[in-house]
């Protein structure tokens, strides 16, 4: 990224036709191709955005705009990132119907409910690849098969003149948490729209992208100069795009090694915590999970207090999504899967980075035990 931030000849506006602009456009073209390679798709299906949140918003609001007066039904889950829930709520206030699929105690979507929720009015299904708070990985391929079967049957019921290229419902996946650990071949996944974010993959903040399958009807939500095929106005963050593309390329190279290392780390830490701290409950799926996320609740202590105590000892953890820091009710995700407000308030999320070491497990456990003992919750040792 450095040359595109510091060298005048490389930091031009990609929309200009002078040398600097053309050079910047070439960098965008290169980055778009690298991201397309990562997703096993075409570069013209990649739209750069300012974040993963904007990418989610464009997918939801952008597909809703062409539907006004036509289809009006969206399906999602109650444990999506707020970047999905907020635009769905916005649309529900403006005449759209939103169905929230039930999830089980681990946060996994009930597949039967997907099929049962589809109607002729459904134009979009949005389900995240993996939950950012509890780490549960959703059955995306299975959901896609249900949607494709519904689409095929719906198409067959239409008059012949309306059957060609019948697209609905679209399937959007927020995959921001997934690139470090999972193959995101969009054709194999069966998705129509997919959101990514630089800051979740060791890339820069302030950049994201949206995969939009050819033929998807979508309108811009940011309008102006017509950049990004008219779908995202504003001068494109060239350095950010370069950084996102490089970060995803590194993810592909490191995926197997990183997944194996962090899965083993997560499993060992989880087993030790459960054994040594009876008051602790693990939140999320024990089999289908993000290797870098471990979420737990401790009875008798609010997660926010535990976050502050651990921070004072040098451990940076969180009590939920960083995008929900003002929620006084704790983790809404844990609230949904447990139905227990105390458990939601007591939840803490650990996120493991690439450089995490096995030696840190023992130190973390001892530190946590000491903090809990101070509050009379758990003994040390």
Protein backbone atom coordinates (compact mmCIF):
# COMPACT_ATOMS: atom_id res chain seq x y z
CA UNK A 1 0.00 0.00 0.00
CA UNK A 2 2.84 2.38 0.83
CA UNK A 3 3.56 3.69 -2.71
CA UNK A 4 -0.13 4.53 -3.21
CA UNK A 5 -0.10 6.54 -0.01
CA UNK A 6 3.17 8.40 -0.44
CA UNK A 7 4.19 8.71 -4.09
CA UNK A 8 2.46 11.51 -5.99
CA UNK A 9 2.67 9.57 -9.24
CA UNK A 10 0.69 6.68 -7.70
CA UNK A 11 -1.80 8.53 -5.51
CA UNK A 12 -3.97 10.03 -8.23
CA UNK A 13 -7.76 9.91 -8.62
CA UNK A 14 -8.63 6.74 -10.52
CA UNK A 15 -11.43 8.60 -12.26
CA UNK A 16 -9.05 11.03 -13.99
CA UNK A 17 -7.47 10.49 -17.41
CA UNK A 18 -4.06 12.03 -16.63
CA UNK A 19 -1.06 9.80 -15.97
CA UNK A 20 -1.58 9.66 -12.21
CA UNK A 21 -5.25 8.80 -12.67
CA UNK A 22 -4.55 6.05 -15.18
CA UNK A 23 -1.89 4.61 -12.89
CA UNK A 24 -4.37 4.54 -10.01
CA UNK A 25 -6.99 2.88 -12.21
CA UNK A 26 -4.49 0.18 -13.16
CA UNK A 27 -3.95 -0.50 -9.45
CA UNK A 28 -7.70 -0.84 -8.95
CA UNK A 29 -7.95 -3.20 -11.92
CA UNK A 30 -5.14 -5.33 -10.51
CA UNK A 31 -6.76 -5.39 -7.06
CA UNK A 32 -10.18 -6.23 -8.46
CA UNK A 33 -8.66 -9.17 -10.35
CA UNK A 34 -6.89 -10.50 -7.24
CA UNK A 35 -10.12 -10.37 -5.23
CA UNK A 36 -12.00 -12.03 -8.10
CA UNK A 37 -9.36 -14.79 -8.12
CA UNK A 38 -9.85 -15.23 -4.38
CA UNK A 39 -13.60 -15.66 -4.88
CA UNK A 40 -13.19 -17.66 -8.13
CA UNK A 41 -15.30 -15.18 -10.07
CA UNK A 42 -15.04 -12.27 -12.54
CA UNK A 43 -13.47 -8.88 -11.75
CA UNK A 44 -16.49 -6.96 -13.06
CA UNK A 45 -18.52 -8.56 -10.23
CA UNK A 46 -16.42 -6.86 -7.52
CA UNK A 47 -17.56 -3.45 -6.23
CA UNK A 48 -15.34 -1.58 -3.76
CA UNK A 49 -17.03 -0.02 -0.73
CA UNK A 50 -15.87 1.94 2.30
CA UNK A 51 -16.38 -0.94 4.77
CA UNK A 52 -18.06 -4.25 5.39
CA UNK A 53 -21.00 -2.34 6.85
CA UNK A 54 -21.45 -0.39 3.63
CA UNK A 55 -21.17 -3.61 1.65
CA UNK A 56 -23.99 -5.18 3.70
CA UNK A 57 -26.09 -2.03 3.35
CA UNK A 58 -25.60 -1.95 -0.41
CA UNK A 59 -26.60 -5.61 -0.71
CA UNK A 60 -29.81 -5.15 1.30
CA UNK A 61 -30.96 -1.62 0.49
CA UNK A 62 -29.61 -1.85 -3.05
CA UNK A 63 -31.68 -4.92 -3.88
CA UNK A 64 -34.73 -3.52 -2.09
CA UNK A 65 -34.89 -0.26 -4.06
CA UNK A 66 -35.78 -1.88 -7.42
CA UNK A 67 -38.52 -3.89 -5.66
CA UNK A 68 -40.70 -1.03 -4.47
CA UNK A 69 -44.24 -1.85 -5.56
CA UNK A 70 -43.19 -5.38 -6.52
CA UNK A 71 -41.74 -7.93 -4.08
CA UNK A 72 -41.49 -6.84 -0.44
CA UNK A 73 -40.17 -9.75 1.65
CA UNK A 74 -36.71 -10.26 3.19
CA UNK A 75 -35.49 -13.25 5.21
CA UNK A 76 -32.61 -13.00 7.66
CA UNK A 77 -31.67 -14.14 11.18
CA UNK A 78 -31.85 -12.37 14.56
CA UNK A 79 -28.11 -12.88 15.16
CA UNK A 80 -26.78 -11.09 12.08
CA UNK A 81 -24.31 -8.23 12.41
CA UNK A 82 -26.00 -4.87 13.02
CA UNK A 83 -24.88 -3.91 9.50
CA UNK A 84 -27.57 -6.32 8.28
CA UNK A 85 -30.15 -5.95 11.04
CA UNK A 86 -30.25 -2.15 10.90
CA UNK A 87 -31.08 -1.83 7.17
CA UNK A 88 -33.64 -4.64 7.52
CA UNK A 89 -35.26 -2.73 10.39
CA UNK A 90 -35.15 0.44 8.27
CA UNK A 91 -37.00 -1.33 5.44
CA UNK A 92 -39.55 -2.85 7.83
CA UNK A 93 -40.55 0.70 8.78
CA UNK A 94 -41.18 1.44 5.12
CA UNK A 95 -43.53 -1.32 4.14
CA UNK A 96 -41.19 -4.28 3.69
CA UNK A 97 -41.77 -7.52 5.57
CA UNK A 98 -38.82 -9.11 7.39
CA UNK A 99 -38.77 -12.72 8.60
CA UNK A 100 -36.16 -13.68 11.19
CA UNK A 101 -35.22 -17.35 10.94
CA UNK A 102 -35.01 -19.27 14.23
CA UNK A 103 -31.58 -20.45 15.36
CA UNK A 104 -30.77 -23.21 17.81
CA UNK A 105 -28.95 -22.95 21.15
CA UNK A 106 -25.62 -22.82 19.30
CA UNK A 107 -26.72 -20.16 16.82
CA UNK A 108 -27.19 -22.45 13.79
CA UNK A 109 -30.00 -21.68 11.35
CA UNK A 110 -32.86 -24.20 11.14
CA UNK A 111 -32.85 -25.32 7.50
CA UNK A 112 -36.52 -26.31 7.44
CA UNK A 113 -37.46 -22.79 8.49
CA UNK A 114 -35.64 -21.41 5.44
CA UNK A 115 -37.87 -23.34 3.06
CA UNK A 116 -41.00 -22.65 5.13
CA UNK A 117 -40.30 -18.89 5.16
CA UNK A 118 -39.92 -18.43 1.41
CA UNK A 119 -42.87 -16.82 -0.37
CA UNK A 120 -43.51 -15.46 -3.88
CA UNK A 121 -42.79 -12.02 -2.37
CA UNK A 122 -39.29 -12.94 -1.15
CA UNK A 123 -36.57 -11.09 -3.06
CA UNK A 124 -33.65 -11.52 -0.64
CA UNK A 125 -32.31 -13.98 1.92
CA UNK A 126 -29.36 -12.69 4.00
CA UNK A 127 -27.47 -15.06 6.31
CA UNK A 128 -23.94 -14.49 7.61
CA UNK A 129 -21.24 -17.07 6.90
CA UNK A 130 -19.98 -17.12 10.48
CA UNK A 131 -21.14 -15.19 13.51
CA UNK A 132 -18.76 -12.48 14.62
CA UNK A 133 -19.61 -12.83 18.33
CA UNK A 134 -19.96 -16.56 19.01
CA UNK A 135 -18.13 -17.94 15.96
CA UNK A 136 -20.85 -20.35 14.78
CA UNK A 137 -20.55 -21.21 11.08
CA UNK A 138 -23.85 -21.38 9.21
CA UNK A 139 -24.82 -24.05 6.63
CA UNK A 140 -24.48 -21.68 3.67
CA UNK A 141 -24.29 -24.31 0.92
CA UNK A 142 -27.40 -26.06 2.22
CA UNK A 143 -29.31 -22.78 2.43
CA UNK A 144 -28.24 -21.96 -1.13
CA UNK A 145 -29.58 -25.30 -2.37
CA UNK A 146 -32.96 -24.60 -0.78
CA UNK A 147 -33.08 -21.17 -2.38
CA UNK A 148 -32.07 -22.47 -5.80
CA UNK A 149 -34.74 -25.18 -5.64
CA UNK A 150 -37.35 -22.60 -4.70
CA UNK A 151 -36.18 -20.35 -7.52
CA UNK A 152 -36.39 -23.20 -10.01
CA UNK A 153 -39.90 -24.18 -8.90
CA UNK A 154 -41.07 -20.55 -8.89
CA UNK A 155 -39.71 -20.05 -12.37
CA UNK A 156 -41.56 -23.13 -13.65
CA UNK A 157 -44.86 -21.75 -12.36
CA UNK A 158 -44.52 -18.51 -14.35
CA UNK A 159 -45.82 -17.86 -17.85
CA UNK A 160 -43.19 -18.80 -20.49
CA UNK A 161 -42.49 -15.15 -21.37
CA UNK A 162 -41.43 -14.43 -17.75
CA UNK A 163 -39.36 -17.52 -17.07
CA UNK A 164 -36.10 -16.41 -18.67
CA UNK A 165 -33.37 -15.67 -16.13
CA UNK A 166 -35.81 -15.56 -13.19
CA UNK A 167 -33.51 -14.45 -10.35
CA UNK A 168 -35.46 -14.43 -7.08
CA UNK A 169 -34.84 -14.73 -4.27
CA UNK A 170 -31.26 -13.50 -4.19
CA UNK A 171 -28.94 -14.93 -1.54
CA UNK A 172 -26.62 -12.52 0.29
CA UNK A 173 -23.89 -13.67 2.68
CA UNK A 174 -21.95 -11.45 5.06
CA UNK A 175 -18.62 -13.30 4.91
CA UNK A 176 -16.45 -10.67 6.59
CA UNK A 177 -15.24 -13.11 9.28
CA UNK A 178 -14.60 -16.05 6.94
CA UNK A 179 -11.66 -15.42 4.52
CA UNK A 180 -8.88 -16.46 6.90
CA UNK A 181 -10.34 -19.93 7.36
CA UNK A 182 -12.78 -20.93 4.60
CA UNK A 183 -12.89 -21.31 0.83
CA UNK A 184 -15.18 -18.59 -0.50
CA UNK A 185 -15.64 -19.85 -4.06
CA UNK A 186 -18.92 -18.07 -4.75
CA UNK A 187 -20.06 -20.57 -7.39
CA UNK A 188 -19.57 -23.52 -5.03
CA UNK A 189 -21.27 -21.62 -2.21
CA UNK A 190 -24.22 -20.75 -4.44
CA UNK A 191 -24.48 -17.09 -3.40
CA UNK A 192 -25.55 -14.03 -5.38
CA UNK A 193 -24.02 -11.34 -3.17
CA UNK A 194 -21.13 -11.59 -0.71
CA UNK A 195 -19.64 -8.95 1.59
CA UNK A 196 -15.99 -8.66 2.66
CA UNK A 197 -14.10 -6.22 4.88
CA UNK A 198 -10.42 -5.29 5.02
CA UNK A 199 -10.11 -4.90 8.78
CA UNK A 200 -11.13 -8.51 9.48
CA UNK A 201 -8.32 -10.02 7.39
CA UNK A 202 -5.30 -7.96 8.48
CA UNK A 203 -6.06 -5.49 5.72
CA UNK A 204 -6.68 -1.75 6.15
CA UNK A 205 -9.70 -0.22 7.82
CA UNK A 206 -11.99 1.86 5.63
CA UNK A 207 -12.24 -0.56 2.71
CA UNK A 208 -14.59 -3.39 1.84
CA UNK A 209 -16.14 -4.92 -1.24
CA UNK A 210 -19.32 -6.54 -2.45
CA UNK A 211 -19.45 -9.43 -4.87
CA UNK A 212 -22.51 -8.99 -7.09
CA UNK A 213 -23.30 -11.85 -9.43
CA UNK A 214 -23.90 -10.81 -13.02
CA UNK A 215 -27.58 -10.16 -13.61
CA UNK A 216 -28.47 -9.16 -10.04
CA UNK A 217 -30.72 -6.09 -10.05
CA UNK A 218 -29.29 -3.58 -7.61
CA UNK A 219 -29.42 0.20 -7.18
CA UNK A 220 -26.83 2.52 -5.61
CA UNK A 221 -27.33 3.86 -2.10
CA UNK A 222 -24.51 6.41 -2.44
CA UNK A 223 -24.96 8.59 -5.50
CA UNK A 224 -22.77 11.13 -7.21
CA UNK A 225 -20.02 10.69 -9.75
CA UNK A 226 -20.94 7.20 -10.88
CA UNK A 227 -17.81 5.35 -9.76
CA UNK A 228 -17.81 1.54 -9.40
CA UNK A 229 -20.17 0.93 -12.32
CA UNK A 230 -22.51 3.56 -10.91
CA UNK A 231 -23.09 1.53 -7.73
CA UNK A 232 -20.84 3.40 -5.31
CA UNK A 233 -20.13 7.07 -5.94
CA UNK A 234 -17.07 8.73 -4.47
CA UNK A 235 -13.34 8.69 -5.13
CA UNK A 236 -12.17 5.12 -4.69
CA UNK A 237 -9.67 4.36 -1.93
CA UNK A 238 -6.92 2.98 -4.18
CA UNK A 239 -4.42 2.22 -1.41
CA UNK A 240 -7.19 0.52 0.58
CA UNK A 241 -8.20 -1.60 -2.39
CA UNK A 242 -4.59 -2.65 -2.93
CA UNK A 243 -4.31 -3.55 0.76
CA UNK A 244 -7.56 -5.54 0.78
CA UNK A 245 -6.53 -7.52 -2.28
CA UNK A 246 -3.10 -8.32 -0.82
CA UNK A 247 -4.60 -9.30 2.55
CA UNK A 248 -6.99 -11.74 0.90
CA UNK A 249 -4.15 -13.20 -1.16
CA UNK A 250 -2.22 -13.81 2.07
CA UNK A 251 -5.33 -15.38 3.63
CA UNK A 252 -5.49 -17.91 0.81
CA UNK A 253 -1.82 -18.83 1.31
CA UNK A 254 -2.00 -19.07 5.11
CA UNK A 255 -5.51 -20.56 5.43
CA UNK A 256 -4.68 -24.20 6.15
CA UNK A 257 -1.83 -23.46 8.54
CA UNK A 258 -3.71 -20.73 10.37
CA UNK A 259 -6.91 -22.79 10.68
CA UNK A 260 -5.04 -25.79 12.11
CA UNK A 261 -3.07 -23.68 14.60
CA UNK A 262 -5.97 -21.61 15.91
CA UNK A 263 -8.43 -24.52 16.00
CA UNK A 264 -6.05 -26.41 18.25
CA UNK A 265 -5.51 -23.29 20.38
CA UNK A 266 -9.25 -22.69 20.72
CA UNK A 267 -10.01 -26.31 21.60
CA UNK A 268 -7.31 -26.51 24.26
CA UNK A 269 -8.29 -23.23 25.87
CA UNK A 270 -11.98 -24.13 25.78
CA UNK A 271 -11.36 -27.47 27.50
CA UNK A 272 -9.20 -25.90 30.21
CA UNK A 273 -11.72 -23.14 30.93
CA UNK A 274 -14.61 -25.58 31.24
CA UNK A 275 -12.60 -27.87 33.51
CA UNK A 276 -11.11 -25.22 35.80
CA UNK A 277 -14.02 -22.75 35.99
CA UNK A 278 -17.40 -24.46 36.58
CA UNK A 279 -19.16 -21.10 36.55
CA UNK A 280 -18.16 -20.60 32.91
CA UNK A 281 -20.40 -21.45 29.92
CA UNK A 282 -19.15 -21.61 26.32
CA UNK A 283 -21.43 -19.84 23.82
CA UNK A 284 -21.61 -21.12 20.24
CA UNK A 285 -21.27 -24.32 18.26
CA UNK A 286 -18.70 -26.83 19.55
CA UNK A 287 -18.11 -28.32 16.07
CA UNK A 288 -18.78 -25.69 13.39
CA UNK A 289 -16.95 -22.57 14.47
CA UNK A 290 -14.47 -19.88 13.57
CA UNK A 291 -11.03 -21.03 14.79
CA UNK A 292 -10.21 -17.55 16.05
CA UNK A 293 -13.31 -16.88 18.18
CA UNK A 294 -14.18 -18.22 21.63
CA UNK A 295 -17.14 -16.73 23.47
CA UNK A 296 -18.02 -17.53 27.08
CA UNK A 297 -20.20 -16.25 29.90
CA UNK A 298 -19.39 -16.26 33.60
CA UNK A 299 -22.23 -16.43 36.11
CA UNK A 300 -22.20 -13.56 38.55
CA UNK A 301 -20.04 -11.07 36.65
CA UNK A 302 -20.86 -8.71 33.80
CA UNK A 303 -18.78 -9.11 30.68
CA UNK A 304 -17.94 -5.41 30.53
CA UNK A 305 -16.36 -5.54 33.99
CA UNK A 306 -14.38 -8.62 33.04
CA UNK A 307 -13.17 -6.89 29.87
CA UNK A 308 -11.84 -3.99 31.94
CA UNK A 309 -10.17 -6.31 34.45
CA UNK A 310 -8.48 -8.35 31.70
CA UNK A 311 -7.41 -5.20 29.89
CA UNK A 312 -5.64 -4.02 33.03
CA UNK A 313 -3.68 -7.30 32.92
CA UNK A 314 -2.72 -6.92 29.26
CA UNK A 315 -5.44 -9.00 27.57
CA UNK A 316 -7.54 -7.22 24.93
CA UNK A 317 -10.94 -8.94 24.75
CA UNK A 318 -14.48 -7.70 24.14
CA UNK A 319 -17.95 -8.15 25.58
CA UNK A 320 -19.63 -8.44 22.19
CA UNK A 321 -19.37 -6.89 18.77
CA UNK A 322 -17.31 -3.72 18.61
CA UNK A 323 -20.21 -2.26 16.62
CA UNK A 324 -22.57 -2.78 19.60
CA UNK A 325 -20.46 -1.19 22.34
CA UNK A 326 -23.36 0.95 23.63
CA UNK A 327 -25.77 -1.97 24.18
CA UNK A 328 -26.55 -2.03 27.90
CA UNK A 329 -28.28 -5.41 27.60
CA UNK A 330 -25.11 -7.28 26.72
CA UNK A 331 -24.71 -9.45 23.65
CA UNK A 332 -27.96 -9.65 21.69
CA UNK A 333 -26.56 -12.76 19.99
CA UNK A 334 -26.10 -14.61 23.29
CA UNK A 335 -29.51 -13.34 24.42
CA UNK A 336 -31.12 -14.91 21.33
CA UNK A 337 -29.44 -18.31 21.62
CA UNK A 338 -29.81 -18.62 25.40
CA UNK A 339 -32.91 -16.60 26.25
CA UNK A 340 -30.99 -15.54 29.35
CA UNK A 341 -30.24 -11.87 29.98
CA UNK A 342 -27.69 -12.63 32.71
CA UNK A 343 -25.77 -14.88 30.34
CA UNK A 344 -25.88 -12.18 27.66
CA UNK A 345 -24.59 -9.54 30.09
CA UNK A 346 -21.83 -11.87 31.24
CA UNK A 347 -20.53 -12.82 27.80
CA UNK A 348 -16.94 -12.20 26.72
CA UNK A 349 -15.43 -12.77 23.30
CA UNK A 350 -11.83 -13.83 22.77
CA UNK A 351 -10.37 -13.27 19.29
CA UNK A 352 -7.08 -14.99 18.45
CA UNK A 353 -4.61 -13.36 16.10
CA UNK A 354 -2.03 -14.98 13.86
CA UNK A 355 0.76 -14.39 16.35
CA UNK A 356 -0.96 -15.93 19.37
CA UNK A 357 1.22 -18.47 21.18
CA UNK A 358 0.29 -21.63 23.07
CA UNK A 359 2.24 -20.34 26.08
CA UNK A 360 -0.37 -17.60 26.47
CA UNK A 361 -3.11 -20.12 27.34
CA UNK A 362 -1.83 -20.83 30.84
CA UNK A 363 -1.24 -17.17 31.61
CA UNK A 364 -4.74 -16.22 30.46
CA UNK A 365 -6.41 -18.95 32.52
CA UNK A 366 -4.48 -18.01 35.69
CA UNK A 367 -5.27 -14.34 35.14
CA UNK A 368 -8.97 -15.06 34.62
CA UNK A 369 -9.12 -17.28 37.71
CA UNK A 370 -7.48 -14.59 39.83
CA UNK A 371 -9.94 -11.96 38.63
CA UNK A 372 -12.94 -14.19 39.30
CA UNK A 373 -11.58 -15.13 42.73
CA UNK A 374 -11.44 -11.43 43.59
CA UNK A 375 -15.19 -11.31 43.02
CA UNK A 376 -15.72 -14.57 44.94
CA UNK A 377 -16.73 -16.47 41.83
CA UNK A 378 -13.94 -19.00 41.22
CA UNK A 379 -10.96 -20.32 43.12
CA UNK A 380 -7.40 -20.02 41.85
CA UNK A 381 -5.13 -22.96 41.08
